Amino acid sequence: MIIIGELINTSRKSIAAMVKEQDRAGIQKVACDQVAHGTNYIDVNAGTFMDSEAERLKWLITTVQSQTDCACCIDSPNPLAVEAALSVHKGPAMINSISLEKKRYEALLPVIAGTDLKVIALCMSDEGIPETADERLNIADKLVNGLVKNNVMPENIFIDPLVQPVATRTNSGVEFLDALEKINTALKGIHTVCGLSNISYGLPVRNLINRTFMAMAIAKGLDAAILNPLDNKMMANVAAALALAGKDDFCTNYIKAYRAGKLA
């Protein structure tokens, strides 16, 4: 399971303040805390600074990578901001995200084509977010074919079927899980990913919904998730779900987590 830590996002007031004040120590602590809790990629998003997004992303990446070797997931639909961020990033980065929306696709494809970048591809088109699993699979198929034709390796593609709040559409969780299974079956060699917390938007005790849905998604083959790695119960739940889904040989990682006191 690939964990993408979601906490360095300027939509969070505390992070926005740190970025505005260029609080390097504060950002580095958030980054290091996420790495210590099992993060593989640190999502960096400066989207609320619309007029200075590129420079803010560059600052975030250099700040994070001056303290940790963890790769970043560059979270922006703006190709100029992405290119600026890549200019200072050390090692292979992840790009979040491209979609089948014509404007976004045509803008970001040249940045990604022929590179070793990992890319999150959203099951979204100019018609919006599809409702059914089959519609999501259709978009995923077009995205994968287009990216592969432009020399993006299948193993670098992370398809996001897009989690929608279950509070506003009763079957949204089921449709996501069905889409996940269909995509994993039909598109061999690619990865799947989701922004987990969307599922619980508008509900009480959101962490409970998130943890339960994460286990269900792992059972359907989810490979990666954008989540809060500081939620210890979530990370324990991930370890247990991976063991139960047959993705942890002899429960080795589960036992390691137990011995490290991470399952309490």
C-alpha atoms as a PDB file:
ATOM      1  CA  MET A   1       0.000   0.000   0.000  1.00  0.00           C
ATOM      2  CA  ILE A   2       1.358   3.403  -1.025  1.00  0.00           C
ATOM      3  CA  ILE A   3       0.483   6.128   1.466  1.00  0.00           C
ATOM      4  CA  ILE A   4       0.307   9.723   0.223  1.00  0.00           C
ATOM      5  CA  GLY A   5       0.286  12.079   3.193  1.00  0.00           C
ATOM      6  CA  GLU A   6      -2.373  14.762   2.738  1.00  0.00           C
ATOM      7  CA  LEU A   7      -1.490  17.282   5.442  1.00  0.00           C
ATOM      8  CA  ILE A   8       0.627  19.885   3.588  1.00  0.00           C
ATOM      9  CA  ASN A   9      -2.253  21.589   1.837  1.00  0.00           C
ATOM     10  CA  THR A  10      -2.894  25.321   2.082  1.00  0.00           C
ATOM     11  CA  SER A  11      -6.639  24.722   2.265  1.00  0.00           C
ATOM     12  CA  ARG A  12      -5.802  23.952   5.893  1.00  0.00           C
ATOM     13  CA  LYS A  13      -5.539  27.255   7.762  1.00  0.00           C
ATOM     14  CA  SER A  14      -2.509  26.233   9.801  1.00  0.00           C
ATOM     15  CA  ILE A  15      -0.566  25.227   6.681  1.00  0.00           C
ATOM     16  CA  ALA A  16      -1.586  28.378   4.807  1.00  0.00           C
ATOM     17  CA  ALA A  17      -0.242  30.463   7.685  1.00  0.00           C
ATOM     18  CA  MET A  18       3.055  28.544   7.696  1.00  0.00           C
ATOM     19  CA  VAL A  19       3.455  29.030   3.956  1.00  0.00           C
ATOM     20  CA  LYS A  20       2.579  32.717   4.101  1.00  0.00           C
ATOM     21  CA  GLU A  21       5.092  33.272   6.915  1.00  0.00           C
ATOM     22  CA  GLN A  22       7.650  30.876   5.364  1.00  0.00           C
ATOM     23  CA  ASP A  23       7.783  28.871   8.560  1.00  0.00           C
ATOM     24  CA  ARG A  24      10.300  26.252   7.451  1.00  0.00           C
ATOM     25  CA  ALA A  25      10.464  24.504  10.819  1.00  0.00           C
ATOM     26  CA  GLY A  26       6.689  24.172  10.980  1.00  0.00           C
ATOM     27  CA  ILE A  27       6.376  22.662   7.491  1.00  0.00           C
ATOM     28  CA  GLN A  28       9.336  20.356   8.094  1.00  0.00           C
ATOM     29  CA  LYS A  29       7.749  19.036  11.286  1.00  0.00           C
ATOM     30  CA  VAL A  30       4.506  18.228   9.458  1.00  0.00           C
ATOM     31  CA  ALA A  31       6.522  16.485   6.727  1.00  0.00           C
ATOM     32  CA  CYS A  32       8.701  14.493   9.126  1.00  0.00           C
ATOM     33  CA  ASP A  33       5.736  13.465  11.277  1.00  0.00           C
ATOM     34  CA  GLN A  34       4.024  12.037   8.191  1.00  0.00           C
ATOM     35  CA  VAL A  35       7.148  10.132   7.124  1.00  0.00           C
ATOM     36  CA  ALA A  36       7.539   8.724  10.636  1.00  0.00           C
ATOM     37  CA  HIS A  37       4.000   7.355  10.403  1.00  0.00           C
ATOM     38  CA  GLY A  38       4.531   5.499   7.134  1.00  0.00           C
ATOM     39  CA  THR A  39       4.089   8.052   4.348  1.00  0.00           C
ATOM     40  CA  ASN A  40       5.615   7.171   0.955  1.00  0.00           C
ATOM     41  CA  TYR A  41       4.809  10.468  -0.789  1.00  0.00           C
ATOM     42  CA  ILE A  42       4.109  13.870   0.734  1.00  0.00           C
ATOM     43  CA  ASP A  43       1.339  15.714  -1.068  1.00  0.00           C
ATOM     44  CA  VAL A  44       2.138  19.423  -1.456  1.00  0.00           C
ATOM     45  CA  ASN A  45      -0.651  21.787  -2.449  1.00  0.00           C
ATOM     46  CA  ALA A  46      -0.484  25.587  -2.579  1.00  0.00           C
ATOM     47  CA  GLY A  47      -3.649  26.086  -4.595  1.00  0.00           C
ATOM     48  CA  THR A  48      -5.108  28.794  -2.366  1.00  0.00           C
ATOM     49  CA  PHE A  49      -2.199  31.074  -3.324  1.00  0.00           C
ATOM     50  CA  MET A  50      -3.470  31.484  -6.870  1.00  0.00           C
ATOM     51  CA  ASP A  51      -1.193  34.375  -7.856  1.00  0.00           C
ATOM     52  CA  SER A  52       1.977  32.805  -6.446  1.00  0.00           C
ATOM     53  CA  GLU A  53       1.260  29.078  -6.580  1.00  0.00           C
ATOM     54  CA  ALA A  54       4.393  28.152  -8.537  1.00  0.00           C
ATOM     55  CA  GLU A  55       6.769  29.910  -6.150  1.00  0.00           C
ATOM     56  CA  ARG A  56       4.932  28.584  -3.100  1.00  0.00           C
ATOM     57  CA  LEU A  57       5.179  25.014  -4.423  1.00  0.00           C
ATOM     58  CA  LYS A  58       8.901  25.432  -5.064  1.00  0.00           C
ATOM     59  CA  TRP A  59       9.355  26.697  -1.524  1.00  0.00           C
ATOM     60  CA  LEU A  60       7.332  23.839  -0.071  1.00  0.00           C
ATOM     61  CA  ILE A  61       9.285  21.183  -1.962  1.00  0.00           C
ATOM     62  CA  THR A  62      12.722  22.547  -1.123  1.00  0.00           C
ATOM     63  CA  THR A  63      11.639  22.957   2.502  1.00  0.00           C
ATOM     64  CA  VAL A  64      10.297  19.405   2.745  1.00  0.00           C
ATOM     65  CA  GLN A  65      13.188  17.757   0.904  1.00  0.00           C
ATOM     66  CA  SER A  66      15.829  19.627   2.870  1.00  0.00           C
ATOM     67  CA  GLN A  67      14.666  17.663   5.913  1.00  0.00           C
ATOM     68  CA  THR A  68      13.522  14.330   4.455  1.00  0.00           C
ATOM     69  CA  ASP A  69      14.316  12.098   1.476  1.00  0.00           C
ATOM     70  CA  CYS A  70      10.612  11.467   0.864  1.00  0.00           C
ATOM     71  CA  ALA A  71       9.352  12.221  -2.656  1.00  0.00           C
ATOM     72  CA  CYS A  72       6.551  14.734  -3.109  1.00  0.00           C
ATOM     73  CA  CYS A  73       3.197  14.426  -4.801  1.00  0.00           C
ATOM     74  CA  ILE A  74       2.829  17.752  -6.622  1.00  0.00           C
ATOM     75  CA  ASP A  75      -0.837  18.640  -6.291  1.00  0.00           C
ATOM     76  CA  SER A  76      -1.894  21.143  -8.952  1.00  0.00           C
ATOM     77  CA  PRO A  77      -3.783  21.217 -12.266  1.00  0.00           C
ATOM     78  CA  ASN A  78      -1.607  24.174 -13.370  1.00  0.00           C
ATOM     79  CA  PRO A  79       1.137  22.965 -15.774  1.00  0.00           C
ATOM     80  CA  LEU A  80       3.297  26.031 -15.130  1.00  0.00           C
ATOM     81  CA  ALA A  81       3.158  25.452 -11.388  1.00  0.00           C
ATOM     82  CA  VAL A  82       3.916  21.749 -11.870  1.00  0.00           C
ATOM     83  CA  GLU A  83       6.926  22.494 -14.090  1.00  0.00           C
ATOM     84  CA  ALA A  84       8.233  25.034 -11.582  1.00  0.00           C
ATOM     85  CA  ALA A  85       7.860  22.484  -8.783  1.00  0.00           C
ATOM     86  CA  LEU A  86       9.611  19.782 -10.806  1.00  0.00           C
ATOM     87  CA  SER A  87      12.557  22.106 -11.397  1.00  0.00           C
ATOM     88  CA  VAL A  88      13.511  21.874  -7.703  1.00  0.00           C
ATOM     89  CA  HIS A  89      12.269  18.374  -6.848  1.00  0.00           C
ATOM     90  CA  LYS A  90      14.895  15.755  -6.058  1.00  0.00           C
ATOM     91  CA  GLY A  91      14.222  12.347  -7.603  1.00  0.00           C
ATOM     92  CA  PRO A  92      11.052  11.014  -9.265  1.00  0.00           C
ATOM     93  CA  ALA A  93       7.940  12.904  -8.214  1.00  0.00           C
ATOM     94  CA  MET A  94       4.250  12.110  -8.430  1.00  0.00           C
ATOM     95  CA  ILE A  95       1.873  14.478 -10.236  1.00  0.00           C
ATOM     96  CA  ASN A  96      -1.649  14.979  -8.897  1.00  0.00           C
ATOM     97  CA  SER A  97      -3.399  15.090 -11.328  1.00  0.00           C
ATOM     98  CA  ILE A  98      -4.431  14.737 -14.955  1.00  0.00           C
ATOM     99  CA  SER A  99      -7.944  13.940 -16.176  1.00  0.00           C
ATOM    100  CA  LEU A 100      -9.847  13.475 -19.431  1.00  0.00           C
ATOM    101  CA  GLU A 101     -11.027  17.089 -19.274  1.00  0.00           C
ATOM    102  CA  LYS A 102      -9.701  18.460 -22.572  1.00  0.00           C
ATOM    103  CA  LYS A 103      -8.088  21.628 -21.233  1.00  0.00           C
ATOM    104  CA  ARG A 104      -6.389  19.922 -18.310  1.00  0.00           C
ATOM    105  CA  TYR A 105      -5.352  16.876 -20.347  1.00  0.00           C
ATOM    106  CA  GLU A 106      -3.752  18.894 -23.140  1.00  0.00           C
ATOM    107  CA  ALA A 107      -1.987  21.193 -20.694  1.00  0.00           C
ATOM    108  CA  LEU A 108      -0.459  18.501 -18.470  1.00  0.00           C
ATOM    109  CA  LEU A 109       0.268  15.740 -20.984  1.00  0.00           C
ATOM    110  CA  PRO A 110       3.421  17.433 -22.384  1.00  0.00           C
ATOM    111  CA  VAL A 111       4.787  17.747 -18.839  1.00  0.00           C
ATOM    112  CA  ILE A 112       4.288  14.040 -18.150  1.00  0.00           C
ATOM    113  CA  ALA A 113       4.973  12.434 -21.546  1.00  0.00           C
ATOM    114  CA  GLY A 114       8.161  10.383 -21.806  1.00  0.00           C
ATOM    115  CA  THR A 115       9.155  10.885 -18.169  1.00  0.00           C
ATOM    116  CA  ASP A 116       9.566   8.642 -15.130  1.00  0.00           C
ATOM    117  CA  LEU A 117       7.013  10.689 -13.225  1.00  0.00           C
ATOM    118  CA  LYS A 118       4.211   8.898 -11.470  1.00  0.00           C
ATOM    119  CA  VAL A 119       0.842  10.388 -12.335  1.00  0.00           C
ATOM    120  CA  ILE A 120      -2.585  10.309 -10.726  1.00  0.00           C
ATOM    121  CA  ALA A 121      -5.258  10.181 -13.431  1.00  0.00           C
ATOM    122  CA  LEU A 122      -8.791  11.151 -12.407  1.00  0.00           C
ATOM    123  CA  CYS A 123     -11.854   9.427 -13.870  1.00  0.00           C
ATOM    124  CA  MET A 124     -13.351  12.742 -14.906  1.00  0.00           C
ATOM    125  CA  SER A 125     -14.177  14.223 -18.309  1.00  0.00           C
ATOM    126  CA  ASP A 126     -15.700  17.446 -19.609  1.00  0.00           C
ATOM    127  CA  GLU A 127     -19.077  15.887 -18.756  1.00  0.00           C
ATOM    128  CA  GLY A 128     -18.081  15.833 -15.089  1.00  0.00           C
ATOM    129  CA  ILE A 129     -17.677  12.962 -12.639  1.00  0.00           C
ATOM    130  CA  PRO A 130     -19.320   9.775 -13.932  1.00  0.00           C
ATOM    131  CA  GLU A 131     -21.930   8.083 -11.767  1.00  0.00           C
ATOM    132  CA  THR A 132     -21.525   4.418 -12.673  1.00  0.00           C
ATOM    133  CA  ALA A 133     -18.637   1.980 -12.461  1.00  0.00           C
ATOM    134  CA  ASP A 134     -18.777   1.289 -16.202  1.00  0.00           C
ATOM    135  CA  GLU A 135     -18.553   4.992 -17.025  1.00  0.00           C
ATOM    136  CA  ARG A 136     -15.514   5.297 -14.776  1.00  0.00           C
ATOM    137  CA  LEU A 137     -13.906   2.287 -16.452  1.00  0.00           C
ATOM    138  CA  ASN A 138     -14.473   3.838 -19.874  1.00  0.00           C
ATOM    139  CA  ILE A 139     -12.696   7.038 -18.849  1.00  0.00           C
ATOM    140  CA  ALA A 140      -9.900   5.104 -17.136  1.00  0.00           C
ATOM    141  CA  ASP A 141      -9.338   3.078 -20.296  1.00  0.00           C
ATOM    142  CA  LYS A 142      -9.033   6.237 -22.413  1.00  0.00           C
ATOM    143  CA  LEU A 143      -6.668   7.833 -19.910  1.00  0.00           C
ATOM    144  CA  VAL A 144      -4.394   4.797 -19.715  1.00  0.00           C
ATOM    145  CA  ASN A 145      -4.292   4.370 -23.494  1.00  0.00           C
ATOM    146  CA  GLY A 146      -3.492   8.045 -24.014  1.00  0.00           C
ATOM    147  CA  LEU A 147      -0.761   8.097 -21.396  1.00  0.00           C
ATOM    148  CA  VAL A 148       0.854   4.865 -22.597  1.00  0.00           C
ATOM    149  CA  LYS A 149       0.850   6.154 -26.185  1.00  0.00           C
ATOM    150  CA  ASN A 150       2.789   9.146 -24.867  1.00  0.00           C
ATOM    151  CA  ASN A 151       5.446   6.939 -23.270  1.00  0.00           C
ATOM    152  CA  VAL A 152       4.174   6.877 -19.718  1.00  0.00           C
ATOM    153  CA  MET A 153       4.844   3.440 -18.253  1.00  0.00           C
ATOM    154  CA  PRO A 154       1.706   1.624 -17.040  1.00  0.00           C
ATOM    155  CA  GLU A 155       3.262   1.049 -13.601  1.00  0.00           C
ATOM    156  CA  ASN A 156       3.583   4.842 -13.214  1.00  0.00           C
ATOM    157  CA  ILE A 157      -0.149   5.416 -13.757  1.00  0.00           C
ATOM    158  CA  PHE A 158      -2.435   5.685 -10.711  1.00  0.00           C
ATOM    159  CA  ILE A 159      -6.116   5.704 -11.682  1.00  0.00           C
ATOM    160  CA  ASP A 160      -8.427   7.510  -9.251  1.00  0.00           C
ATOM    161  CA  PRO A 161     -12.070   6.440  -9.743  1.00  0.00           C
ATOM    162  CA  LEU A 162     -13.056   9.396  -7.546  1.00  0.00           C
ATOM    163  CA  VAL A 163     -14.694   8.904  -4.169  1.00  0.00           C
ATOM    164  CA  GLN A 164     -17.880  10.921  -3.694  1.00  0.00           C
ATOM    165  CA  PRO A 165     -19.655  11.616  -0.374  1.00  0.00           C
ATOM    166  CA  VAL A 166     -21.994   8.826   0.631  1.00  0.00           C
ATOM    167  CA  ALA A 167     -24.076  11.384   2.567  1.00  0.00           C
ATOM    168  CA  THR A 168     -25.268  13.002  -0.665  1.00  0.00           C
ATOM    169  CA  ARG A 169     -25.553   9.918  -2.860  1.00  0.00           C
ATOM    170  CA  THR A 170     -26.331   6.618  -1.158  1.00  0.00           C
ATOM    171  CA  ASN A 171     -24.660   4.364  -3.730  1.00  0.00           C
ATOM    172  CA  SER A 172     -21.501   6.420  -4.248  1.00  0.00           C
ATOM    173  CA  GLY A 173     -19.384   4.116  -2.096  1.00  0.00           C
ATOM    174  CA  VAL A 174     -20.661   0.999  -3.863  1.00  0.00           C
ATOM    175  CA  GLU A 175     -20.095   2.535  -7.308  1.00  0.00           C
ATOM    176  CA  PHE A 176     -16.544   3.465  -6.361  1.00  0.00           C
ATOM    177  CA  LEU A 177     -15.784  -0.039  -5.118  1.00  0.00           C
ATOM    178  CA  ASP A 178     -17.303  -1.601  -8.234  1.00  0.00           C
ATOM    179  CA  ALA A 179     -15.264   0.747 -10.420  1.00  0.00           C
ATOM    180  CA  LEU A 180     -12.122  -0.133  -8.501  1.00  0.00           C
ATOM    181  CA  GLU A 181     -12.676  -3.838  -9.102  1.00  0.00           C
ATOM    182  CA  LYS A 182     -13.477  -3.368 -12.796  1.00  0.00           C
ATOM    183  CA  ILE A 183     -10.436  -1.152 -13.380  1.00  0.00           C
ATOM    184  CA  ASN A 184      -8.084  -3.550 -11.615  1.00  0.00           C
ATOM    185  CA  THR A 185      -9.466  -6.442 -13.673  1.00  0.00           C
ATOM    186  CA  ALA A 186      -9.461  -4.725 -17.077  1.00  0.00           C
ATOM    187  CA  LEU A 187      -6.331  -2.556 -16.916  1.00  0.00           C
ATOM    188  CA  LYS A 188      -3.479  -4.782 -15.871  1.00  0.00           C
ATOM    189  CA  GLY A 189      -0.231  -3.228 -14.707  1.00  0.00           C
ATOM    190  CA  ILE A 190      -1.634   0.096 -13.532  1.00  0.00           C
ATOM    191  CA  HIS A 191      -2.246   1.224  -9.950  1.00  0.00           C
ATOM    192  CA  THR A 192      -5.375   2.583  -8.289  1.00  0.00           C
ATOM    193  CA  VAL A 193      -5.580   5.438  -5.798  1.00  0.00           C
ATOM    194  CA  CYS A 194      -8.207   7.487  -3.997  1.00  0.00           C
ATOM    195  CA  GLY A 195      -8.662  10.619  -1.938  1.00  0.00           C
ATOM    196  CA  LEU A 196     -10.160   8.675   0.934  1.00  0.00           C
ATOM    197  CA  SER A 197     -11.748  11.321   3.157  1.00  0.00           C
ATOM    198  CA  ASN A 198     -14.261  12.491   0.527  1.00  0.00           C
ATOM    199  CA  ILE A 199     -16.412   9.458   1.348  1.00  0.00           C
ATOM    200  CA  SER A 200     -17.310  10.803   4.808  1.00  0.00           C
ATOM    201  CA  TYR A 201     -17.918  14.470   3.963  1.00  0.00           C
ATOM    202  CA  GLY A 202     -20.911  15.817   5.836  1.00  0.00           C
ATOM    203  CA  LEU A 203     -21.150  12.920   8.308  1.00  0.00           C
ATOM    204  CA  PRO A 204     -20.371  12.691  12.038  1.00  0.00           C
ATOM    205  CA  VAL A 205     -17.449  10.569  13.273  1.00  0.00           C
ATOM    206  CA  ARG A 206     -15.783  10.820   9.864  1.00  0.00           C
ATOM    207  CA  ASN A 207     -12.732   8.806  10.912  1.00  0.00           C
ATOM    208  CA  LEU A 208     -14.919   5.744  11.486  1.00  0.00           C
ATOM    209  CA  ILE A 209     -16.388   5.975   7.994  1.00  0.00           C
ATOM    210  CA  ASN A 210     -12.932   6.559   6.488  1.00  0.00           C
ATOM    211  CA  ARG A 211     -11.345   3.574   8.238  1.00  0.00           C
ATOM    212  CA  THR A 212     -14.172   1.233   7.308  1.00  0.00           C
ATOM    213  CA  PHE A 213     -14.190   2.337   3.682  1.00  0.00           C
ATOM    214  CA  MET A 214     -10.415   1.974   3.475  1.00  0.00           C
ATOM    215  CA  ALA A 215     -10.641  -1.688   4.471  1.00  0.00           C
ATOM    216  CA  MET A 216     -13.373  -2.276   1.884  1.00  0.00           C
ATOM    217  CA  ALA A 217     -11.303  -0.584  -0.834  1.00  0.00           C
ATOM    218  CA  ILE A 218      -8.202  -2.622   0.021  1.00  0.00           C
ATOM    219  CA  ALA A 219     -10.292  -5.765  -0.354  1.00  0.00           C
ATOM    220  CA  LYS A 220     -11.201  -4.577  -3.877  1.00  0.00           C
ATOM    221  CA  GLY A 221      -7.549  -4.016  -4.798  1.00  0.00           C
ATOM    222  CA  LEU A 222      -6.785  -0.398  -3.908  1.00  0.00           C
ATOM    223  CA  ASP A 223      -3.031   0.241  -4.221  1.00  0.00           C
ATOM    224  CA  ALA A 224      -2.622   3.753  -2.814  1.00  0.00           C
ATOM    225  CA  ALA A 225      -4.510   6.360  -0.811  1.00  0.00           C
ATOM    226  CA  ILE A 226      -4.261  10.041  -0.025  1.00  0.00           C
ATOM    227  CA  LEU A 227      -4.961  10.210   3.689  1.00  0.00           C
ATOM    228  CA  ASN A 228      -3.863  11.469   7.097  1.00  0.00           C
ATOM    229  CA  PRO A 229      -1.066   9.123   8.214  1.00  0.00           C
ATOM    230  CA  LEU A 230      -1.128  10.605  11.719  1.00  0.00           C
ATOM    231  CA  ASP A 231      -4.452   8.841  12.292  1.00  0.00           C
ATOM    232  CA  ASN A 232      -2.986   5.865  14.159  1.00  0.00           C
ATOM    233  CA  LYS A 233      -6.228   3.896  14.049  1.00  0.00           C
ATOM    234  CA  MET A 234      -6.370   4.344  10.285  1.00  0.00           C
ATOM    235  CA  MET A 235      -2.809   3.091   9.833  1.00  0.00           C
ATOM    236  CA  ALA A 236      -3.505   0.105  12.097  1.00  0.00           C
ATOM    237  CA  ASN A 237      -6.624  -0.593  10.062  1.00  0.00           C
ATOM    238  CA  VAL A 238      -4.575  -0.499   6.854  1.00  0.00           C
ATOM    239  CA  ALA A 239      -2.097  -3.031   8.268  1.00  0.00           C
ATOM    240  CA  ALA A 240      -4.896  -5.384   9.288  1.00  0.00           C
ATOM    241  CA  ALA A 241      -6.788  -5.016   5.994  1.00  0.00           C
ATOM    242  CA  LEU A 242      -3.663  -5.729   3.927  1.00  0.00           C
ATOM    243  CA  ALA A 243      -3.017  -8.895   5.940  1.00  0.00           C
ATOM    244  CA  LEU A 244      -6.612 -10.062   5.521  1.00  0.00           C
ATOM    245  CA  ALA A 245      -6.599  -9.272   1.789  1.00  0.00           C
ATOM    246  CA  GLY A 246      -3.567 -11.494   1.210  1.00  0.00           C
ATOM    247  CA  LYS A 247      -1.258  -8.572   0.501  1.00  0.00           C
ATOM    248  CA  ASP A 248       1.107  -9.129   3.408  1.00  0.00           C
ATOM    249  CA  ASP A 249       3.060 -12.381   3.097  1.00  0.00           C
ATOM    250  CA  PHE A 250       2.837 -14.348   6.338  1.00  0.00           C
ATOM    251  CA  CYS A 251       1.475 -11.146   7.959  1.00  0.00           C
ATOM    252  CA  THR A 252       5.055  -9.903   8.208  1.00  0.00           C
ATOM    253  CA  ASN A 253       4.232  -6.187   8.103  1.00  0.00           C
ATOM    254  CA  TYR A 254       1.307  -6.627  10.472  1.00  0.00           C
ATOM    255  CA  ILE A 255       3.591  -8.330  13.011  1.00  0.00           C
ATOM    256  CA  LYS A 256       6.220  -5.601  12.571  1.00  0.00           C
ATOM    257  CA  ALA A 257       3.557  -2.972  13.235  1.00  0.00           C
ATOM    258  CA  TYR A 258       2.494  -4.853  16.373  1.00  0.00           C
ATOM    259  CA  ARG A 259       6.062  -5.085  17.655  1.00  0.00           C
ATOM    260  CA  ALA A 260       6.507  -1.368  17.021  1.00  0.00           C
ATOM    261  CA  GLY A 261       3.410  -0.611  19.103  1.00  0.00           C
ATOM    262  CA  LYS A 262       1.461   0.705  16.135  1.00  0.00           C
ATOM    263  CA  LEU A 263      -1.641  -1.444  16.494  1.00  0.00           C
ATOM    264  CA  ALA A 264      -2.795  -0.249  19.890  1.00  0.00           C
END
